[in-house]
């Protein structure tokens, strides 16, 4: 698995019911903690945050916006 970094775009790969987030929710890593945990900001299309949970790496997948260059 690729390491996640500050400001990476990520999606949830599982529901997070305590935070009312669903699988596929798009967020941005805003803080990196020990033990593979990340503070992730989830915002609406207007940029207004609606959730900011601490999420384990096992619940996240990095989003890529550009192809791999040779």
PDB file of N, CA and C in Angstrom:
ATOM      1  N   UNK A   1       0.836  -1.189   0.000  1.00  0.00           N
ATOM      2  CA  UNK A   1       0.000   0.000   0.000  1.00  0.00           C
ATOM      3  C   UNK A   1       0.877   1.246   0.000  1.00  0.00           C
ATOM      4  N   UNK A   2       0.441   2.257  -0.739  1.00  0.00           N
ATOM      5  CA  UNK A   2       1.180   3.503  -0.760  1.00  0.00           C
ATOM      6  C   UNK A   2       0.965   4.261   0.541  1.00  0.00           C
ATOM      7  N   UNK A   3       1.998   4.919   0.995  1.00  0.00           N
ATOM      8  CA  UNK A   3       1.908   5.712   2.212  1.00  0.00           C
ATOM      9  C   UNK A   3       1.045   6.948   1.953  1.00  0.00           C
ATOM     10  N   UNK A   4       0.236   7.292   2.912  1.00  0.00           N
ATOM     11  CA  UNK A   4      -0.586   8.488   2.804  1.00  0.00           C
ATOM     12  C   UNK A   4       0.155   9.660   3.430  1.00  0.00           C
ATOM     13  N   UNK A   5      -0.054  10.843   2.859  1.00  0.00           N
ATOM     14  CA  UNK A   5       0.632  12.051   3.307  1.00  0.00           C
ATOM     15  C   UNK A   5      -0.363  13.183   3.544  1.00  0.00           C
ATOM     16  N   UNK A   6       0.108  14.199   4.239  1.00  0.00           N
ATOM     17  CA  UNK A   6      -0.659  15.407   4.474  1.00  0.00           C
ATOM     18  C   UNK A   6      -1.177  15.960   3.152  1.00  0.00           C
ATOM     19  N   UNK A   7      -2.444  16.323   3.101  1.00  0.00           N
ATOM     20  CA  UNK A   7      -3.149  16.917   1.968  1.00  0.00           C
ATOM     21  C   UNK A   7      -3.464  15.940   0.831  1.00  0.00           C
ATOM     22  N   UNK A   8      -3.220  14.651   1.021  1.00  0.00           N
ATOM     23  CA  UNK A   8      -3.651  13.659   0.035  1.00  0.00           C
ATOM     24  C   UNK A   8      -5.169  13.598   0.006  1.00  0.00           C
ATOM     25  N   UNK A   9      -5.727  13.413  -1.183  1.00  0.00           N
ATOM     26  CA  UNK A   9      -7.161  13.157  -1.329  1.00  0.00           C
ATOM     27  C   UNK A   9      -7.379  11.669  -1.103  1.00  0.00           C
ATOM     28  N   UNK A  10      -8.401  11.336  -0.316  1.00  0.00           N
ATOM     29  CA  UNK A  10      -8.689   9.945   0.026  1.00  0.00           C
ATOM     30  C   UNK A  10     -10.196   9.703  -0.035  1.00  0.00           C
ATOM     31  N   UNK A  11     -10.576   8.427  -0.174  1.00  0.00           N
ATOM     32  CA  UNK A  11     -11.981   8.041  -0.057  1.00  0.00           C
ATOM     33  C   UNK A  11     -12.099   6.968   1.002  1.00  0.00           C
ATOM     34  N   UNK A  12     -13.241   6.948   1.667  1.00  0.00           N
ATOM     35  CA  UNK A  12     -13.533   5.890   2.630  1.00  0.00           C
ATOM     36  C   UNK A  12     -13.859   4.611   1.872  1.00  0.00           C
ATOM     37  N   UNK A  13     -13.320   3.502   2.338  1.00  0.00           N
ATOM     38  CA  UNK A  13     -13.640   2.218   1.711  1.00  0.00           C
ATOM     39  C   UNK A  13     -14.614   1.419   2.571  1.00  0.00           C
ATOM     40  N   UNK A  14     -15.037   1.992   3.701  1.00  0.00           N
ATOM     41  CA  UNK A  14     -16.064   1.408   4.562  1.00  0.00           C
ATOM     42  C   UNK A  14     -16.960   2.528   5.074  1.00  0.00           C
ATOM     43  N   UNK A  15     -18.175   2.189   5.458  1.00  0.00           N
ATOM     44  CA  UNK A  15     -19.035   3.177   6.106  1.00  0.00           C
ATOM     45  C   UNK A  15     -18.449   3.534   7.469  1.00  0.00           C
ATOM     46  N   UNK A  16     -18.668   4.762   7.903  1.00  0.00           N
ATOM     47  CA  UNK A  16     -18.275   5.214   9.239  1.00  0.00           C
ATOM     48  C   UNK A  16     -19.526   5.787   9.891  1.00  0.00           C
ATOM     49  N   UNK A  17     -20.350   4.898  10.410  1.00  0.00           N
ATOM     50  CA  UNK A  17     -21.669   5.292  10.906  1.00  0.00           C
ATOM     51  C   UNK A  17     -21.646   6.292  12.057  1.00  0.00           C
ATOM     52  N   UNK A  18     -20.685   6.206  13.000  1.00  0.00           N
ATOM     53  CA  UNK A  18     -20.692   7.224  14.071  1.00  0.00           C
ATOM     54  C   UNK A  18     -20.538   8.645  13.517  1.00  0.00           C
ATOM     55  N   UNK A  19     -19.849   8.774  12.377  1.00  0.00           N
ATOM     56  CA  UNK A  19     -19.615  10.084  11.761  1.00  0.00           C
ATOM     57  C   UNK A  19     -20.609  10.378  10.643  1.00  0.00           C
ATOM     58  N   UNK A  20     -21.550   9.437  10.408  1.00  0.00           N
ATOM     59  CA  UNK A  20     -22.558   9.558   9.348  1.00  0.00           C
ATOM     60  C   UNK A  20     -21.918   9.676   7.971  1.00  0.00           C
ATOM     61  N   UNK A  21     -20.795   8.981   7.784  1.00  0.00           N
ATOM     62  CA  UNK A  21     -20.098   8.978   6.496  1.00  0.00           C
ATOM     63  C   UNK A  21     -20.310   7.630   5.807  1.00  0.00           C
ATOM     64  N   UNK A  22     -20.409   7.668   4.487  1.00  0.00           N
ATOM     65  CA  UNK A  22     -20.617   6.444   3.727  1.00  0.00           C
ATOM     66  C   UNK A  22     -19.375   6.067   2.937  1.00  0.00           C
ATOM     67  N   UNK A  23     -19.290   4.806   2.614  1.00  0.00           N
ATOM     68  CA  UNK A  23     -18.248   4.313   1.723  1.00  0.00           C
ATOM     69  C   UNK A  23     -18.272   5.171   0.461  1.00  0.00           C
ATOM     70  N   UNK A  24     -17.080   5.626   0.031  1.00  0.00           N
ATOM     71  CA  UNK A  24     -16.984   6.475  -1.153  1.00  0.00           C
ATOM     72  C   UNK A  24     -16.911   7.956  -0.850  1.00  0.00           C
ATOM     73  N   UNK A  25     -17.075   8.343   0.421  1.00  0.00           N
ATOM     74  CA  UNK A  25     -16.972   9.761   0.783  1.00  0.00           C
ATOM     75  C   UNK A  25     -15.555  10.254   0.530  1.00  0.00           C
ATOM     76  N   UNK A  26     -15.438  11.406  -0.114  1.00  0.00           N
ATOM     77  CA  UNK A  26     -14.147  11.985  -0.497  1.00  0.00           C
ATOM     78  C   UNK A  26     -13.695  12.984   0.551  1.00  0.00           C
ATOM     79  N   UNK A  27     -12.428  12.873   0.985  1.00  0.00           N
ATOM     80  CA  UNK A  27     -11.893  13.776   1.990  1.00  0.00           C
ATOM     81  C   UNK A  27     -10.439  14.120   1.727  1.00  0.00           C
ATOM     82  N   UNK A  28      -9.885  14.959   2.587  1.00  0.00           N
ATOM     83  CA  UNK A  28      -8.490  15.390   2.502  1.00  0.00           C
ATOM     84  C   UNK A  28      -7.821  15.177   3.846  1.00  0.00           C
ATOM     85  N   UNK A  29      -6.634  14.592   3.827  1.00  0.00           N
ATOM     86  CA  UNK A  29      -5.869  14.399   5.061  1.00  0.00           C
ATOM     87  C   UNK A  29      -5.344  15.747   5.529  1.00  0.00           C
ATOM     88  N   UNK A  30      -5.693  16.117   6.768  1.00  0.00           N
ATOM     89  CA  UNK A  30      -5.256  17.403   7.309  1.00  0.00           C
ATOM     90  C   UNK A  30      -4.306  17.258   8.496  1.00  0.00           C
ATOM     91  N   UNK A  31      -4.122  16.033   8.980  1.00  0.00           N
ATOM     92  CA  UNK A  31      -3.159  15.769  10.060  1.00  0.00           C
ATOM     93  C   UNK A  31      -2.798  14.294  10.025  1.00  0.00           C
ATOM     94  N   UNK A  32      -1.518  14.013  10.302  1.00  0.00           N
ATOM     95  CA  UNK A  32      -1.014  12.635  10.332  1.00  0.00           C
ATOM     96  C   UNK A  32      -0.645  12.304  11.769  1.00  0.00           C
ATOM     97  N   UNK A  33      -1.161  11.168  12.269  1.00  0.00           N
ATOM     98  CA  UNK A  33      -0.892  10.718  13.625  1.00  0.00           C
ATOM     99  C   UNK A  33      -0.112   9.404  13.594  1.00  0.00           C
ATOM    100  N   UNK A  34       0.493   9.016  14.725  1.00  0.00           N
ATOM    101  CA  UNK A  34       1.148   7.719  14.802  1.00  0.00           C
ATOM    102  C   UNK A  34       0.127   6.590  14.638  1.00  0.00           C
ATOM    103  N   UNK A  35       0.628   5.396  14.458  1.00  0.00           N
ATOM    104  CA  UNK A  35      -0.213   4.196  14.372  1.00  0.00           C
ATOM    105  C   UNK A  35      -1.166   4.203  13.185  1.00  0.00           C
ATOM    106  N   UNK A  36      -0.725   4.808  12.057  1.00  0.00           N
ATOM    107  CA  UNK A  36      -1.506   4.784  10.815  1.00  0.00           C
ATOM    108  C   UNK A  36      -2.891   5.396  10.960  1.00  0.00           C
ATOM    109  N   UNK A  37      -2.999   6.488  11.701  1.00  0.00           N
ATOM    110  CA  UNK A  37      -4.261   7.197  11.819  1.00  0.00           C
ATOM    111  C   UNK A  37      -4.115   8.607  11.247  1.00  0.00           C
ATOM    112  N   UNK A  38      -5.227   9.103  10.675  1.00  0.00           N
ATOM    113  CA  UNK A  38      -5.213  10.382   9.969  1.00  0.00           C
ATOM    114  C   UNK A  38      -6.462  11.180  10.323  1.00  0.00           C
ATOM    115  N   UNK A  39      -6.297  12.487  10.484  1.00  0.00           N
ATOM    116  CA  UNK A  39      -7.431  13.377  10.610  1.00  0.00           C
ATOM    117  C   UNK A  39      -7.838  13.753   9.192  1.00  0.00           C
ATOM    118  N   UNK A  40      -9.074  13.423   8.834  1.00  0.00           N
ATOM    119  CA  UNK A  40      -9.540  13.634   7.468  1.00  0.00           C
ATOM    120  C   UNK A  40     -10.701  14.614   7.483  1.00  0.00           C
ATOM    121  N   UNK A  41     -10.599  15.651   6.648  1.00  0.00           N
ATOM    122  CA  UNK A  41     -11.678  16.625   6.524  1.00  0.00           C
ATOM    123  C   UNK A  41     -12.558  16.248   5.341  1.00  0.00           C
ATOM    124  N   UNK A  42     -13.848  16.145   5.606  1.00  0.00           N
ATOM    125  CA  UNK A  42     -14.837  15.884   4.562  1.00  0.00           C
ATOM    126  C   UNK A  42     -15.641  17.158   4.391  1.00  0.00           C
ATOM    127  N   UNK A  43     -15.746  17.653   3.147  1.00  0.00           N
ATOM    128  CA  UNK A  43     -16.436  18.913   2.874  1.00  0.00           C
ATOM    129  C   UNK A  43     -17.423  18.732   1.726  1.00  0.00           C
ATOM    130  N   UNK A  44     -18.437  19.606   1.699  1.00  0.00           N
ATOM    131  CA  UNK A  44     -19.416  19.545   0.610  1.00  0.00           C
ATOM    132  C   UNK A  44     -18.857  20.236  -0.632  1.00  0.00           C
ATOM    133  N   UNK A  45     -19.658  20.318  -1.683  1.00  0.00           N
ATOM    134  CA  UNK A  45     -19.182  20.901  -2.949  1.00  0.00           C
ATOM    135  C   UNK A  45     -18.933  22.405  -2.854  1.00  0.00           C
ATOM    136  N   UNK A  46     -19.386  23.031  -1.775  1.00  0.00           N
ATOM    137  CA  UNK A  46     -19.100  24.448  -1.546  1.00  0.00           C
ATOM    138  C   UNK A  46     -17.869  24.651  -0.679  1.00  0.00           C
ATOM    139  N   UNK A  47     -17.222  23.546  -0.286  1.00  0.00           N
ATOM    140  CA  UNK A  47     -16.022  23.633   0.540  1.00  0.00           C
ATOM    141  C   UNK A  47     -16.291  23.752   2.021  1.00  0.00           C
ATOM    142  N   UNK A  48     -17.541  23.561   2.432  1.00  0.00           N
ATOM    143  CA  UNK A  48     -17.885  23.666   3.844  1.00  0.00           C
ATOM    144  C   UNK A  48     -17.727  22.300   4.509  1.00  0.00           C
ATOM    145  N   UNK A  49     -16.822  22.202   5.493  1.00  0.00           N
ATOM    146  CA  UNK A  49     -16.601  20.913   6.161  1.00  0.00           C
ATOM    147  C   UNK A  49     -17.850  20.433   6.897  1.00  0.00           C
ATOM    148  N   UNK A  50     -18.120  19.125   6.800  1.00  0.00           N
ATOM    149  CA  UNK A  50     -19.245  18.554   7.528  1.00  0.00           C
ATOM    150  C   UNK A  50     -18.830  17.420   8.458  1.00  0.00           C
ATOM    151  N   UNK A  51     -17.583  16.980   8.373  1.00  0.00           N
ATOM    152  CA  UNK A  51     -17.067  15.961   9.292  1.00  0.00           C
ATOM    153  C   UNK A  51     -15.548  16.016   9.283  1.00  0.00           C
ATOM    154  N   UNK A  52     -14.945  15.716  10.449  1.00  0.00           N
ATOM    155  CA  UNK A  52     -13.492  15.693  10.548  1.00  0.00           C
ATOM    156  C   UNK A  52     -13.062  14.607  11.537  1.00  0.00           C
ATOM    157  N   UNK A  53     -13.283  13.337  11.174  1.00  0.00           N
ATOM    158  CA  UNK A  53     -12.931  12.245  12.081  1.00  0.00           C
ATOM    159  C   UNK A  53     -11.465  11.823  11.954  1.00  0.00           C
ATOM    160  N   UNK A  54     -10.986  11.128  12.978  1.00  0.00           N
ATOM    161  CA  UNK A  54      -9.700  10.437  12.902  1.00  0.00           C
ATOM    162  C   UNK A  54     -10.000   9.060  12.317  1.00  0.00           C
ATOM    163  N   UNK A  55      -9.302   8.718  11.233  1.00  0.00           N
ATOM    164  CA  UNK A  55      -9.602   7.502  10.477  1.00  0.00           C
ATOM    165  C   UNK A  55      -8.341   6.655  10.368  1.00  0.00           C
ATOM    166  N   UNK A  56      -8.500   5.345  10.521  1.00  0.00           N
ATOM    167  CA  UNK A  56      -7.387   4.413  10.370  1.00  0.00           C
ATOM    168  C   UNK A  56      -7.106   4.184   8.891  1.00  0.00           C
ATOM    169  N   UNK A  57      -5.849   3.946   8.566  1.00  0.00           N
ATOM    170  CA  UNK A  57      -5.439   3.728   7.177  1.00  0.00           C
ATOM    171  C   UNK A  57      -6.209   2.582   6.529  1.00  0.00           C
ATOM    172  N   UNK A  58      -6.655   1.607   7.319  1.00  0.00           N
ATOM    173  CA  UNK A  58      -7.384   0.463   6.768  1.00  0.00           C
ATOM    174  C   UNK A  58      -8.751   0.855   6.207  1.00  0.00           C
ATOM    175  N   UNK A  59      -9.218   2.070   6.513  1.00  0.00           N
ATOM    176  CA  UNK A  59     -10.508   2.552   6.023  1.00  0.00           C
ATOM    177  C   UNK A  59     -10.368   3.522   4.851  1.00  0.00           C
ATOM    178  N   UNK A  60      -9.134   3.748   4.389  1.00  0.00           N
ATOM    179  CA  UNK A  60      -8.893   4.778   3.378  1.00  0.00           C
ATOM    180  C   UNK A  60      -8.234   4.228   2.121  1.00  0.00           C
ATOM    181  N   UNK A  61      -8.517   4.885   1.001  1.00  0.00           N
ATOM    182  CA  UNK A  61      -7.827   4.616  -0.264  1.00  0.00           C
ATOM    183  C   UNK A  61      -7.430   5.970  -0.858  1.00  0.00           C
ATOM    184  N   UNK A  62      -6.171   6.082  -1.279  1.00  0.00           N
ATOM    185  CA  UNK A  62      -5.686   7.318  -1.876  1.00  0.00           C
ATOM    186  C   UNK A  62      -6.317   7.508  -3.251  1.00  0.00           C
ATOM    187  N   UNK A  63      -6.629   8.765  -3.590  1.00  0.00           N
ATOM    188  CA  UNK A  63      -7.205   9.112  -4.884  1.00  0.00           C
ATOM    189  C   UNK A  63      -6.122   9.751  -5.744  1.00  0.00           C
ATOM    190  N   UNK A  64      -6.023   9.277  -6.973  1.00  0.00           N
ATOM    191  CA  UNK A  64      -5.030   9.800  -7.904  1.00  0.00           C
ATOM    192  C   UNK A  64      -5.735  10.601  -8.995  1.00  0.00           C
ATOM    193  N   UNK A  65      -5.195  11.758  -9.331  1.00  0.00           N
ATOM    194  CA  UNK A  65      -5.796  12.610 -10.357  1.00  0.00           C
ATOM    195  C   UNK A  65      -4.972  12.650 -11.636  1.00  0.00           C
ATOM    196  N   UNK A  66      -3.796  12.049 -11.615  1.00  0.00           N
ATOM    197  CA  UNK A  66      -2.933  12.037 -12.790  1.00  0.00           C
ATOM    198  C   UNK A  66      -2.409  10.632 -13.005  1.00  0.00           C
ATOM    199  N   UNK A  67      -2.154  10.251 -14.257  1.00  0.00           N
ATOM    200  CA  UNK A  67      -1.620   8.914 -14.514  1.00  0.00           C
ATOM    201  C   UNK A  67      -0.169   8.804 -14.066  1.00  0.00           C
ATOM    202  N   UNK A  68       0.275   7.565 -13.905  1.00  0.00           N
ATOM    203  CA  UNK A  68       1.671   7.304 -13.568  1.00  0.00           C
ATOM    204  C   UNK A  68       2.520   7.661 -14.779  1.00  0.00           C
ATOM    205  N   UNK A  69       3.621   8.383 -14.555  1.00  0.00           N
ATOM    206  CA  UNK A  69       4.529   8.710 -15.655  1.00  0.00           C
ATOM    207  C   UNK A  69       5.689   7.726 -15.642  1.00  0.00           C
ATOM    208  N   UNK A  70       6.139   7.393 -16.825  1.00  0.00           N
ATOM    209  CA  UNK A  70       7.210   6.387 -16.963  1.00  0.00           C
ATOM    210  C   UNK A  70       8.547   6.925 -16.535  1.00  0.00           C
TER     211      UNK A  70
END
